[in-house]
Amino acid sequence: MRMLKSLSLILALVCLATSAMAQTFPNRSVRLVVAFPPGGPTDIVARLVADQLTKTWGQAVVVDNRSGASGMIGAEFAAKSPADGYTILMGTLVTNVMAHLLFSKVPFAQDAFAPVTLLTTTSNILLVNSSIPVTTLAELIAHAKANPGKVSFSSAGVGLSSHLGMVLFTSAAGLDLLHVPFRGSAPATQAFQAGQVNLTLELVPSAVTAVKTAGVKPLAVAAAARVRQFPNVPTFVELGYKNVQAYTWNGLMVPAGTPREVIGAIQRGANAAMNSPTVRERINGLGIDPIGGTPEEFADLIKSERERWGPVIKRANVRID
């Protein structure tokens, strides 16, 4: 009985300590790790959210860019940080799903993080330049089938959504296209706009700029619904390719073991930030969709993404080592 009473007392003290931590969180500055360089969409969203959280919490939320190795350097740092809520990772599809599907060695476990909330999603759009005589997806498919292995597409790198989205499309349409991977979206876009490759799958923010400045044509949206920036461009789903959906997302994650009360405090702050008119207007203007939600909803998305992309990567025998 004395042992049971001692255990009960210990549990009660732990619960009180956790509750007190949540009530006072945060009482010092918070680090928001972005595993990619400054200036990109992930970094921009992180800074908008960090600014709003700073105002809400009255504590500085500092963006810490730790880029390299497809986001694994920053993610490893965050995974090994104390599970107290004071280090938050800007999670991404690449870092928190694709890494474990594409690399044989990942410096953090698949369950190293606890999801907090999904922040944004961004759709990809298939673009074609004037190097081939097509203006619709149907014309592209006919042209590619008449010229197997000769129609090329650029991507920001093997295993990224710009590559795997095209893998979905070529498989569904029965096409033989030439993949030309680059180290990053900037050189991939430059090669496409210069006519060195025929096609590319671009995220909406980049696609808007390319269509306006380079005179390229959007053919189809790789998402379940059309995007407001291109209301007249159909989705692959509408055109009969229901599985060709390739989008990216960002969401907040914390080291596994972070108290639920602290996760709840971060989630509430982040959702309030995403509902701020200033943040929503800026994010919408970039062609990115603000989302928000619960840890459970975010966990379900991550699980479904692993289940969706795993077989695609295996069938296409895509590995990065």
C-alpha atoms as a PDB file:
ATOM      1  CA  MET A   1       0.000   0.000   0.000  1.00  0.00           C
ATOM      2  CA  ARG A   2       2.863   2.339   0.861  1.00  0.00           C
ATOM      3  CA  MET A   3       4.327   1.666  -2.608  1.00  0.00           C
ATOM      4  CA  LEU A   4       0.988   2.387  -4.295  1.00  0.00           C
ATOM      5  CA  LYS A   5       0.623   5.601  -2.327  1.00  0.00           C
ATOM      6  CA  SER A   6       4.146   6.643  -3.345  1.00  0.00           C
ATOM      7  CA  LEU A   7       3.451   5.919  -6.987  1.00  0.00           C
ATOM      8  CA  SER A   8       0.195   7.879  -6.809  1.00  0.00           C
ATOM      9  CA  LEU A   9       2.017  10.804  -5.228  1.00  0.00           C
ATOM     10  CA  ILE A  10       4.703  10.732  -7.943  1.00  0.00           C
ATOM     11  CA  LEU A  11       2.071  10.629 -10.702  1.00  0.00           C
ATOM     12  CA  ALA A  12       0.197  13.496  -9.092  1.00  0.00           C
ATOM     13  CA  LEU A  13       3.388  15.571  -8.876  1.00  0.00           C
ATOM     14  CA  VAL A  14       4.194  14.830 -12.528  1.00  0.00           C
ATOM     15  CA  CYS A  15       0.693  15.893 -13.582  1.00  0.00           C
ATOM     16  CA  LEU A  16       0.960  19.075 -11.539  1.00  0.00           C
ATOM     17  CA  ALA A  17       4.373  19.861 -13.039  1.00  0.00           C
ATOM     18  CA  THR A  18       3.088  19.247 -16.577  1.00  0.00           C
ATOM     19  CA  SER A  19       0.018  21.388 -15.961  1.00  0.00           C
ATOM     20  CA  ALA A  20       2.165  24.181 -14.542  1.00  0.00           C
ATOM     21  CA  MET A  21       4.497  23.965 -17.561  1.00  0.00           C
ATOM     22  CA  ALA A  22       1.561  24.299 -19.945  1.00  0.00           C
ATOM     23  CA  GLN A  23       0.096  27.228 -18.019  1.00  0.00           C
ATOM     24  CA  THR A  24       3.394  29.142 -18.133  1.00  0.00           C
ATOM     25  CA  PHE A  25       4.410  28.116 -21.673  1.00  0.00           C
ATOM     26  CA  PRO A  26       6.209  29.893 -23.121  1.00  0.00           C
ATOM     27  CA  ASN A  27       8.159  31.817 -20.486  1.00  0.00           C
ATOM     28  CA  ARG A  28      11.205  32.327 -22.693  1.00  0.00           C
ATOM     29  CA  SER A  29      12.096  32.504 -26.375  1.00  0.00           C
ATOM     30  CA  VAL A  30      11.102  29.681 -28.722  1.00  0.00           C
ATOM     31  CA  ARG A  31      13.153  28.356 -31.638  1.00  0.00           C
ATOM     32  CA  LEU A  32      11.348  27.527 -34.900  1.00  0.00           C
ATOM     33  CA  VAL A  33      13.668  25.365 -37.006  1.00  0.00           C
ATOM     34  CA  VAL A  34      13.355  25.655 -40.794  1.00  0.00           C
ATOM     35  CA  ALA A  35      15.348  22.920 -42.514  1.00  0.00           C
ATOM     36  CA  PHE A  36      15.688  24.922 -45.735  1.00  0.00           C
ATOM     37  CA  PRO A  37      17.394  28.201 -46.755  1.00  0.00           C
ATOM     38  CA  PRO A  38      15.858  31.628 -46.139  1.00  0.00           C
ATOM     39  CA  GLY A  39      13.564  33.091 -48.784  1.00  0.00           C
ATOM     40  CA  GLY A  40      11.694  29.982 -49.931  1.00  0.00           C
ATOM     41  CA  PRO A  41       7.980  29.287 -49.330  1.00  0.00           C
ATOM     42  CA  THR A  42       8.635  27.207 -46.188  1.00  0.00           C
ATOM     43  CA  ASP A  43      10.777  29.972 -44.707  1.00  0.00           C
ATOM     44  CA  ILE A  44       8.275  32.704 -45.598  1.00  0.00           C
ATOM     45  CA  VAL A  45       5.374  30.847 -43.940  1.00  0.00           C
ATOM     46  CA  ALA A  46       7.538  30.129 -40.887  1.00  0.00           C
ATOM     47  CA  ARG A  47       8.412  33.806 -40.449  1.00  0.00           C
ATOM     48  CA  LEU A  48       4.798  34.920 -40.797  1.00  0.00           C
ATOM     49  CA  VAL A  49       3.702  32.407 -38.151  1.00  0.00           C
ATOM     50  CA  ALA A  50       6.672  33.248 -35.909  1.00  0.00           C
ATOM     51  CA  ASP A  51       5.811  36.955 -35.996  1.00  0.00           C
ATOM     52  CA  GLN A  52       2.208  36.268 -35.008  1.00  0.00           C
ATOM     53  CA  LEU A  53       3.201  33.859 -32.234  1.00  0.00           C
ATOM     54  CA  THR A  54       5.631  36.442 -30.878  1.00  0.00           C
ATOM     55  CA  LYS A  55       2.784  38.950 -30.624  1.00  0.00           C
ATOM     56  CA  THR A  56       0.393  36.396 -29.090  1.00  0.00           C
ATOM     57  CA  TRP A  57       2.792  34.909 -26.557  1.00  0.00           C
ATOM     58  CA  GLY A  58       4.805  37.990 -25.679  1.00  0.00           C
ATOM     59  CA  GLN A  59       7.936  35.879 -26.146  1.00  0.00           C
ATOM     60  CA  ALA A  60      10.272  35.910 -29.132  1.00  0.00           C
ATOM     61  CA  VAL A  61       9.790  33.089 -31.638  1.00  0.00           C
ATOM     62  CA  VAL A  62      13.053  32.963 -33.578  1.00  0.00           C
ATOM     63  CA  VAL A  63      13.341  31.290 -36.981  1.00  0.00           C
ATOM     64  CA  ASP A  64      16.500  29.174 -37.176  1.00  0.00           C
ATOM     65  CA  ASN A  65      17.444  28.111 -40.736  1.00  0.00           C
ATOM     66  CA  ARG A  66      19.471  24.872 -40.704  1.00  0.00           C
ATOM     67  CA  SER A  67      19.478  23.711 -44.313  1.00  0.00           C
ATOM     68  CA  GLY A  68      21.130  20.793 -46.064  1.00  0.00           C
ATOM     69  CA  ALA A  69      20.721  17.095 -46.883  1.00  0.00           C
ATOM     70  CA  SER A  70      17.101  17.426 -48.061  1.00  0.00           C
ATOM     71  CA  GLY A  71      16.101  18.973 -44.769  1.00  0.00           C
ATOM     72  CA  MET A  72      17.611  16.241 -42.614  1.00  0.00           C
ATOM     73  CA  ILE A  73      20.201  18.469 -40.912  1.00  0.00           C
ATOM     74  CA  GLY A  74      17.574  20.761 -39.438  1.00  0.00           C
ATOM     75  CA  ALA A  75      15.217  17.898 -38.633  1.00  0.00           C
ATOM     76  CA  GLU A  76      17.954  15.971 -36.828  1.00  0.00           C
ATOM     77  CA  PHE A  77      18.775  19.022 -34.722  1.00  0.00           C
ATOM     78  CA  ALA A  78      15.119  19.466 -33.782  1.00  0.00           C
ATOM     79  CA  ALA A  79      14.621  15.757 -33.073  1.00  0.00           C
ATOM     80  CA  LYS A  80      17.526  15.769 -30.584  1.00  0.00           C
ATOM     81  CA  SER A  81      16.328  18.908 -28.791  1.00  0.00           C
ATOM     82  CA  PRO A  82      14.577  18.738 -25.406  1.00  0.00           C
ATOM     83  CA  ALA A  83      10.920  17.738 -25.639  1.00  0.00           C
ATOM     84  CA  ASP A  84       9.656  20.850 -23.891  1.00  0.00           C
ATOM     85  CA  GLY A  85       8.077  22.872 -26.726  1.00  0.00           C
ATOM     86  CA  TYR A  86      10.884  25.393 -26.957  1.00  0.00           C
ATOM     87  CA  THR A  87      12.204  23.857 -30.178  1.00  0.00           C
ATOM     88  CA  ILE A  88       9.616  23.470 -32.939  1.00  0.00           C
ATOM     89  CA  LEU A  89      10.265  22.042 -36.403  1.00  0.00           C
ATOM     90  CA  MET A  90       8.673  23.404 -39.552  1.00  0.00           C
ATOM     91  CA  GLY A  91       7.769  19.959 -40.856  1.00  0.00           C
ATOM     92  CA  THR A  92       7.510  19.241 -44.578  1.00  0.00           C
ATOM     93  CA  LEU A  93       6.511  16.429 -46.907  1.00  0.00           C
ATOM     94  CA  VAL A  94      10.151  16.014 -47.931  1.00  0.00           C
ATOM     95  CA  THR A  95      11.603  15.872 -44.428  1.00  0.00           C
ATOM     96  CA  ASN A  96       8.921  14.020 -42.528  1.00  0.00           C
ATOM     97  CA  VAL A  97       7.643  11.561 -45.142  1.00  0.00           C
ATOM     98  CA  MET A  98       9.879  11.273 -48.195  1.00  0.00           C
ATOM     99  CA  ALA A  99      13.189  11.057 -46.317  1.00  0.00           C
ATOM    100  CA  HIS A 100      12.388   7.663 -44.801  1.00  0.00           C
ATOM    101  CA  LEU A 101      11.064   6.370 -48.127  1.00  0.00           C
ATOM    102  CA  LEU A 102      14.013   7.529 -50.247  1.00  0.00           C
ATOM    103  CA  PHE A 103      17.120   7.311 -48.054  1.00  0.00           C
ATOM    104  CA  SER A 104      18.558   4.145 -46.543  1.00  0.00           C
ATOM    105  CA  LYS A 105      20.000   6.134 -43.628  1.00  0.00           C
ATOM    106  CA  VAL A 106      18.057   8.911 -41.915  1.00  0.00           C
ATOM    107  CA  PRO A 107      19.556  10.505 -38.776  1.00  0.00           C
ATOM    108  CA  PHE A 108      16.241  10.578 -36.908  1.00  0.00           C
ATOM    109  CA  ALA A 109      13.497   7.995 -36.380  1.00  0.00           C
ATOM    110  CA  GLN A 110      10.227   8.088 -38.282  1.00  0.00           C
ATOM    111  CA  ASP A 111       8.404   8.628 -34.984  1.00  0.00           C
ATOM    112  CA  ALA A 112      10.878  11.209 -33.676  1.00  0.00           C
ATOM    113  CA  PHE A 113       8.274  13.976 -33.866  1.00  0.00           C
ATOM    114  CA  ALA A 114       4.804  14.628 -32.542  1.00  0.00           C
ATOM    115  CA  PRO A 115       2.538  16.489 -35.003  1.00  0.00           C
ATOM    116  CA  VAL A 116       1.086  19.787 -33.782  1.00  0.00           C
ATOM    117  CA  THR A 117      -0.874  21.296 -36.666  1.00  0.00           C
ATOM    118  CA  LEU A 118      -0.877  21.444 -40.448  1.00  0.00           C
ATOM    119  CA  LEU A 119      -0.206  25.012 -41.575  1.00  0.00           C
ATOM    120  CA  THR A 120      -0.352  25.112 -45.376  1.00  0.00           C
ATOM    121  CA  THR A 121      -0.610  23.103 -48.568  1.00  0.00           C
ATOM    122  CA  THR A 122       0.644  24.097 -52.015  1.00  0.00           C
ATOM    123  CA  SER A 123      -0.416  22.519 -55.308  1.00  0.00           C
ATOM    124  CA  ASN A 124       1.754  21.706 -58.324  1.00  0.00           C
ATOM    125  CA  ILE A 125       0.838  22.642 -61.901  1.00  0.00           C
ATOM    126  CA  LEU A 126       2.084  21.026 -65.109  1.00  0.00           C
ATOM    127  CA  LEU A 127       3.589  23.653 -67.432  1.00  0.00           C
ATOM    128  CA  VAL A 128       4.680  23.365 -71.066  1.00  0.00           C
ATOM    129  CA  ASN A 129       6.838  25.789 -73.047  1.00  0.00           C
ATOM    130  CA  SER A 130       6.888  26.528 -76.783  1.00  0.00           C
ATOM    131  CA  SER A 131       9.507  23.865 -77.540  1.00  0.00           C
ATOM    132  CA  ILE A 132       6.748  21.376 -78.409  1.00  0.00           C
ATOM    133  CA  PRO A 133       3.480  22.143 -80.289  1.00  0.00           C
ATOM    134  CA  VAL A 134       0.888  21.373 -77.580  1.00  0.00           C
ATOM    135  CA  THR A 135      -1.651  23.499 -75.708  1.00  0.00           C
ATOM    136  CA  THR A 136      -3.716  20.881 -73.840  1.00  0.00           C
ATOM    137  CA  LEU A 137      -2.995  17.765 -71.804  1.00  0.00           C
ATOM    138  CA  ALA A 138      -4.595  15.580 -74.493  1.00  0.00           C
ATOM    139  CA  GLU A 139      -2.295  17.067 -77.139  1.00  0.00           C
ATOM    140  CA  LEU A 140       0.704  16.545 -74.865  1.00  0.00           C
ATOM    141  CA  ILE A 141      -0.156  12.872 -74.341  1.00  0.00           C
ATOM    142  CA  ALA A 142      -0.595  12.323 -78.079  1.00  0.00           C
ATOM    143  CA  HIS A 143       2.691  14.088 -78.843  1.00  0.00           C
ATOM    144  CA  ALA A 144       4.596  12.166 -76.165  1.00  0.00           C
ATOM    145  CA  LYS A 145       3.245   8.813 -77.380  1.00  0.00           C
ATOM    146  CA  ALA A 146       4.321   9.684 -80.918  1.00  0.00           C
ATOM    147  CA  ASN A 147       7.789  10.635 -79.636  1.00  0.00           C
ATOM    148  CA  PRO A 148       8.687   8.149 -76.870  1.00  0.00           C
ATOM    149  CA  GLY A 149      11.684   9.147 -74.774  1.00  0.00           C
ATOM    150  CA  LYS A 150      12.039  12.501 -76.523  1.00  0.00           C
ATOM    151  CA  VAL A 151       9.756  14.724 -74.441  1.00  0.00           C
ATOM    152  CA  SER A 152      11.651  15.910 -71.356  1.00  0.00           C
ATOM    153  CA  PHE A 153      10.734  17.393 -67.996  1.00  0.00           C
ATOM    154  CA  SER A 154      12.800  19.103 -65.322  1.00  0.00           C
ATOM    155  CA  SER A 155      12.478  18.649 -61.567  1.00  0.00           C
ATOM    156  CA  ALA A 156      13.977  20.253 -58.498  1.00  0.00           C
ATOM    157  CA  GLY A 157      15.519  16.902 -57.594  1.00  0.00           C
ATOM    158  CA  VAL A 158      14.941  13.159 -57.457  1.00  0.00           C
ATOM    159  CA  GLY A 159      12.204  12.239 -55.007  1.00  0.00           C
ATOM    160  CA  LEU A 160      10.658  15.692 -54.701  1.00  0.00           C
ATOM    161  CA  SER A 161       7.019  16.380 -55.559  1.00  0.00           C
ATOM    162  CA  SER A 162       8.031  17.894 -58.920  1.00  0.00           C
ATOM    163  CA  HIS A 163       9.569  14.527 -59.822  1.00  0.00           C
ATOM    164  CA  LEU A 164       7.172  12.065 -58.193  1.00  0.00           C
ATOM    165  CA  GLY A 165       4.121  13.930 -59.471  1.00  0.00           C
ATOM    166  CA  MET A 166       5.397  13.352 -62.988  1.00  0.00           C
ATOM    167  CA  VAL A 167       6.039   9.705 -62.142  1.00  0.00           C
ATOM    168  CA  LEU A 168       2.350   9.424 -61.234  1.00  0.00           C
ATOM    169  CA  PHE A 169       1.326  11.102 -64.491  1.00  0.00           C
ATOM    170  CA  THR A 170       3.606   9.117 -66.813  1.00  0.00           C
ATOM    171  CA  SER A 171       2.512   5.877 -65.193  1.00  0.00           C
ATOM    172  CA  ALA A 172      -1.195   6.725 -65.414  1.00  0.00           C
ATOM    173  CA  ALA A 173      -0.962   7.926 -69.037  1.00  0.00           C
ATOM    174  CA  GLY A 174       1.461   5.219 -70.197  1.00  0.00           C
ATOM    175  CA  LEU A 175       4.136   7.696 -71.308  1.00  0.00           C
ATOM    176  CA  ASP A 176       7.891   7.452 -71.717  1.00  0.00           C
ATOM    177  CA  LEU A 177       9.272  10.861 -70.734  1.00  0.00           C
ATOM    178  CA  LEU A 178      12.875  11.902 -70.105  1.00  0.00           C
ATOM    179  CA  HIS A 179      13.512  13.108 -66.536  1.00  0.00           C
ATOM    180  CA  VAL A 180      16.153  15.834 -66.138  1.00  0.00           C
ATOM    181  CA  PRO A 181      16.747  16.439 -62.407  1.00  0.00           C
ATOM    182  CA  PHE A 182      18.434  19.578 -61.062  1.00  0.00           C
ATOM    183  CA  ARG A 183      19.756  20.637 -57.691  1.00  0.00           C
ATOM    184  CA  GLY A 184      16.894  22.856 -56.623  1.00  0.00           C
ATOM    185  CA  SER A 185      13.863  24.546 -58.113  1.00  0.00           C
ATOM    186  CA  ALA A 186      15.702  27.631 -59.430  1.00  0.00           C
ATOM    187  CA  PRO A 187      17.929  25.821 -61.966  1.00  0.00           C
ATOM    188  CA  ALA A 188      15.077  23.475 -62.927  1.00  0.00           C
ATOM    189  CA  THR A 189      12.847  26.455 -63.667  1.00  0.00           C
ATOM    190  CA  GLN A 190      15.594  28.281 -65.559  1.00  0.00           C
ATOM    191  CA  ALA A 191      16.254  25.275 -67.811  1.00  0.00           C
ATOM    192  CA  PHE A 192      12.540  24.923 -68.509  1.00  0.00           C
ATOM    193  CA  GLN A 193      12.014  28.597 -69.284  1.00  0.00           C
ATOM    194  CA  ALA A 194      15.062  28.566 -71.570  1.00  0.00           C
ATOM    195  CA  GLY A 195      13.506  25.721 -73.581  1.00  0.00           C
ATOM    196  CA  GLN A 196      16.183  23.184 -72.634  1.00  0.00           C
ATOM    197  CA  VAL A 197      13.425  20.849 -71.411  1.00  0.00           C
ATOM    198  CA  ASN A 198       9.794  20.717 -72.541  1.00  0.00           C
ATOM    199  CA  LEU A 199       7.807  20.341 -69.325  1.00  0.00           C
ATOM    200  CA  THR A 200       7.983  20.980 -65.629  1.00  0.00           C
ATOM    201  CA  LEU A 201       5.754  20.505 -62.600  1.00  0.00           C
ATOM    202  CA  GLU A 202       5.867  23.757 -60.630  1.00  0.00           C
ATOM    203  CA  LEU A 203       4.390  24.802 -57.318  1.00  0.00           C
ATOM    204  CA  VAL A 204       1.733  27.499 -57.728  1.00  0.00           C
ATOM    205  CA  PRO A 205       3.881  30.458 -56.533  1.00  0.00           C
ATOM    206  CA  SER A 206       6.592  29.713 -59.120  1.00  0.00           C
ATOM    207  CA  ALA A 207       4.050  28.803 -61.793  1.00  0.00           C
ATOM    208  CA  VAL A 208       2.327  32.184 -61.490  1.00  0.00           C
ATOM    209  CA  THR A 209       5.628  33.971 -62.123  1.00  0.00           C
ATOM    210  CA  ALA A 210       6.587  31.666 -64.998  1.00  0.00           C
ATOM    211  CA  VAL A 211       3.262  32.112 -66.802  1.00  0.00           C
ATOM    212  CA  LYS A 212       3.414  35.904 -66.422  1.00  0.00           C
ATOM    213  CA  THR A 213       7.060  36.404 -67.390  1.00  0.00           C
ATOM    214  CA  ALA A 214       8.063  33.483 -69.584  1.00  0.00           C
ATOM    215  CA  GLY A 215       4.946  32.917 -71.663  1.00  0.00           C
ATOM    216  CA  VAL A 216       4.632  29.245 -70.728  1.00  0.00           C
ATOM    217  CA  LYS A 217       1.251  27.499 -70.594  1.00  0.00           C
ATOM    218  CA  PRO A 218      -0.387  25.671 -67.665  1.00  0.00           C
ATOM    219  CA  LEU A 219      -1.953  22.353 -68.680  1.00  0.00           C
ATOM    220  CA  ALA A 220      -3.261  20.700 -65.507  1.00  0.00           C
ATOM    221  CA  VAL A 221      -3.323  21.076 -61.736  1.00  0.00           C
ATOM    222  CA  ALA A 222      -1.960  18.128 -59.751  1.00  0.00           C
ATOM    223  CA  ALA A 223      -4.495  18.438 -56.941  1.00  0.00           C
ATOM    224  CA  ALA A 224      -8.061  17.491 -56.082  1.00  0.00           C
ATOM    225  CA  ALA A 225      -9.404  20.961 -56.882  1.00  0.00           C
ATOM    226  CA  ARG A 226      -8.582  23.866 -59.173  1.00  0.00           C
ATOM    227  CA  VAL A 227      -6.532  26.743 -57.792  1.00  0.00           C
ATOM    228  CA  ARG A 228      -7.739  30.330 -57.661  1.00  0.00           C
ATOM    229  CA  GLN A 229      -4.641  31.617 -59.492  1.00  0.00           C
ATOM    230  CA  PHE A 230      -5.553  29.496 -62.541  1.00  0.00           C
ATOM    231  CA  PRO A 231      -9.343  29.091 -62.409  1.00  0.00           C
ATOM    232  CA  ASN A 232      -9.588  27.958 -66.037  1.00  0.00           C
ATOM    233  CA  VAL A 233      -6.945  25.237 -65.754  1.00  0.00           C
ATOM    234  CA  PRO A 234      -8.473  21.789 -65.093  1.00  0.00           C
ATOM    235  CA  THR A 235      -7.111  19.268 -62.625  1.00  0.00           C
ATOM    236  CA  PHE A 236      -5.667  15.917 -63.626  1.00  0.00           C
ATOM    237  CA  VAL A 237      -8.617  14.444 -61.725  1.00  0.00           C
ATOM    238  CA  GLU A 238     -11.086  16.242 -64.006  1.00  0.00           C
ATOM    239  CA  LEU A 239      -9.188  14.979 -67.039  1.00  0.00           C
ATOM    240  CA  GLY A 240      -9.467  11.366 -65.947  1.00  0.00           C
ATOM    241  CA  TYR A 241      -6.274  10.877 -63.915  1.00  0.00           C
ATOM    242  CA  LYS A 242      -7.662  10.751 -60.391  1.00  0.00           C
ATOM    243  CA  ASN A 243      -4.438   9.575 -58.728  1.00  0.00           C
ATOM    244  CA  VAL A 244      -2.233  12.334 -60.152  1.00  0.00           C
ATOM    245  CA  GLN A 245      -2.132  14.577 -57.112  1.00  0.00           C
ATOM    246  CA  ALA A 246       1.189  16.043 -56.008  1.00  0.00           C
ATOM    247  CA  TYR A 247       1.249  18.836 -53.489  1.00  0.00           C
ATOM    248  CA  THR A 248       3.539  19.901 -50.682  1.00  0.00           C
ATOM    249  CA  TRP A 249       2.698  20.918 -47.136  1.00  0.00           C
ATOM    250  CA  ASN A 250       4.147  22.581 -44.070  1.00  0.00           C
ATOM    251  CA  GLY A 251       3.200  21.957 -40.469  1.00  0.00           C
ATOM    252  CA  LEU A 252       4.532  22.384 -36.959  1.00  0.00           C
ATOM    253  CA  MET A 253       6.097  19.403 -35.191  1.00  0.00           C
ATOM    254  CA  VAL A 254       7.821  18.971 -31.833  1.00  0.00           C
ATOM    255  CA  PRO A 255      10.135  16.275 -30.461  1.00  0.00           C
ATOM    256  CA  ALA A 256       8.262  13.143 -29.411  1.00  0.00           C
ATOM    257  CA  GLY A 257       7.480  13.154 -25.719  1.00  0.00           C
ATOM    258  CA  THR A 258       6.546  16.829 -25.570  1.00  0.00           C
ATOM    259  CA  PRO A 259       3.687  17.170 -23.029  1.00  0.00           C
ATOM    260  CA  ARG A 260       0.239  17.203 -24.618  1.00  0.00           C
ATOM    261  CA  GLU A 261      -0.634  20.412 -22.777  1.00  0.00           C
ATOM    262  CA  VAL A 262       2.339  22.160 -24.382  1.00  0.00           C
ATOM    263  CA  ILE A 263       1.416  20.762 -27.806  1.00  0.00           C
ATOM    264  CA  GLY A 264      -2.074  22.130 -27.265  1.00  0.00           C
ATOM    265  CA  ALA A 265      -0.717  25.567 -26.412  1.00  0.00           C
ATOM    266  CA  ILE A 266       1.398  25.638 -29.581  1.00  0.00           C
ATOM    267  CA  GLN A 267      -1.501  24.393 -31.692  1.00  0.00           C
ATOM    268  CA  ARG A 268      -3.860  27.059 -30.395  1.00  0.00           C
ATOM    269  CA  GLY A 269      -1.288  29.785 -31.013  1.00  0.00           C
ATOM    270  CA  ALA A 270      -0.488  28.528 -34.507  1.00  0.00           C
ATOM    271  CA  ASN A 271      -4.151  28.197 -35.510  1.00  0.00           C
ATOM    272  CA  ALA A 272      -4.806  31.729 -34.284  1.00  0.00           C
ATOM    273  CA  ALA A 273      -1.855  32.900 -36.371  1.00  0.00           C
ATOM    274  CA  MET A 274      -3.198  31.128 -39.466  1.00  0.00           C
ATOM    275  CA  ASN A 275      -6.579  32.796 -38.944  1.00  0.00           C
ATOM    276  CA  SER A 276      -5.019  36.238 -38.737  1.00  0.00           C
ATOM    277  CA  PRO A 277      -6.215  38.336 -41.717  1.00  0.00           C
ATOM    278  CA  THR A 278      -2.681  39.618 -42.272  1.00  0.00           C
ATOM    279  CA  VAL A 279      -1.186  36.128 -42.435  1.00  0.00           C
ATOM    280  CA  ARG A 280      -3.981  34.682 -44.570  1.00  0.00           C
ATOM    281  CA  GLU A 281      -3.797  37.556 -47.051  1.00  0.00           C
ATOM    282  CA  ARG A 282      -0.022  37.232 -47.406  1.00  0.00           C
ATOM    283  CA  ILE A 283      -0.102  33.431 -47.745  1.00  0.00           C
ATOM    284  CA  ASN A 284      -3.002  33.490 -50.201  1.00  0.00           C
ATOM    285  CA  GLY A 285      -1.131  36.081 -52.232  1.00  0.00           C
ATOM    286  CA  LEU A 286       1.746  33.638 -52.597  1.00  0.00           C
ATOM    287  CA  GLY A 287      -0.533  30.946 -54.002  1.00  0.00           C
ATOM    288  CA  ILE A 288      -0.322  28.902 -50.821  1.00  0.00           C
ATOM    289  CA  ASP A 289      -3.404  27.613 -48.981  1.00  0.00           C
ATOM    290  CA  PRO A 290      -3.607  28.253 -45.204  1.00  0.00           C
ATOM    291  CA  ILE A 291      -5.085  25.269 -43.347  1.00  0.00           C
ATOM    292  CA  GLY A 292      -4.702  24.741 -39.569  1.00  0.00           C
ATOM    293  CA  GLY A 293      -6.229  21.900 -37.580  1.00  0.00           C
ATOM    294  CA  THR A 294      -5.617  19.429 -34.764  1.00  0.00           C
ATOM    295  CA  PRO A 295      -2.616  17.185 -34.001  1.00  0.00           C
ATOM    296  CA  GLU A 296      -4.772  14.159 -34.801  1.00  0.00           C
ATOM    297  CA  GLU A 297      -5.737  15.507 -38.236  1.00  0.00           C
ATOM    298  CA  PHE A 298      -2.099  16.265 -39.019  1.00  0.00           C
ATOM    299  CA  ALA A 299      -1.038  12.783 -37.873  1.00  0.00           C
ATOM    300  CA  ASP A 300      -3.665  11.239 -40.169  1.00  0.00           C
ATOM    301  CA  LEU A 301      -2.335  13.254 -43.119  1.00  0.00           C
ATOM    302  CA  ILE A 302       1.254  12.153 -42.489  1.00  0.00           C
ATOM    303  CA  LYS A 303       0.145   8.513 -42.244  1.00  0.00           C
ATOM    304  CA  SER A 304      -1.862   8.745 -45.465  1.00  0.00           C
ATOM    305  CA  GLU A 305       1.051  10.403 -47.284  1.00  0.00           C
ATOM    306  CA  ARG A 306       3.397   7.581 -46.291  1.00  0.00           C
ATOM    307  CA  GLU A 307       0.879   5.010 -47.468  1.00  0.00           C
ATOM    308  CA  ARG A 308       0.304   6.872 -50.749  1.00  0.00           C
ATOM    309  CA  TRP A 309       3.893   7.626 -51.751  1.00  0.00           C
ATOM    310  CA  GLY A 310       5.543   4.419 -50.507  1.00  0.00           C
ATOM    311  CA  PRO A 311       4.200   2.177 -53.307  1.00  0.00           C
ATOM    312  CA  VAL A 312       4.836   4.875 -55.941  1.00  0.00           C
ATOM    313  CA  ILE A 313       8.490   5.153 -54.942  1.00  0.00           C
ATOM    314  CA  LYS A 314       8.879   1.381 -54.768  1.00  0.00           C
ATOM    315  CA  ARG A 315       7.342   0.792 -58.201  1.00  0.00           C
ATOM    316  CA  ALA A 316       9.492   3.482 -59.774  1.00  0.00           C
ATOM    317  CA  ASN A 317      12.560   2.164 -57.919  1.00  0.00           C
ATOM    318  CA  VAL A 318      13.483   5.676 -56.747  1.00  0.00           C
ATOM    319  CA  ARG A 319      16.293   5.758 -54.182  1.00  0.00           C
ATOM    320  CA  ILE A 320      18.717   8.429 -52.991  1.00  0.00           C
ATOM    321  CA  ASP A 321      21.877   7.168 -51.300  1.00  0.00           C
END
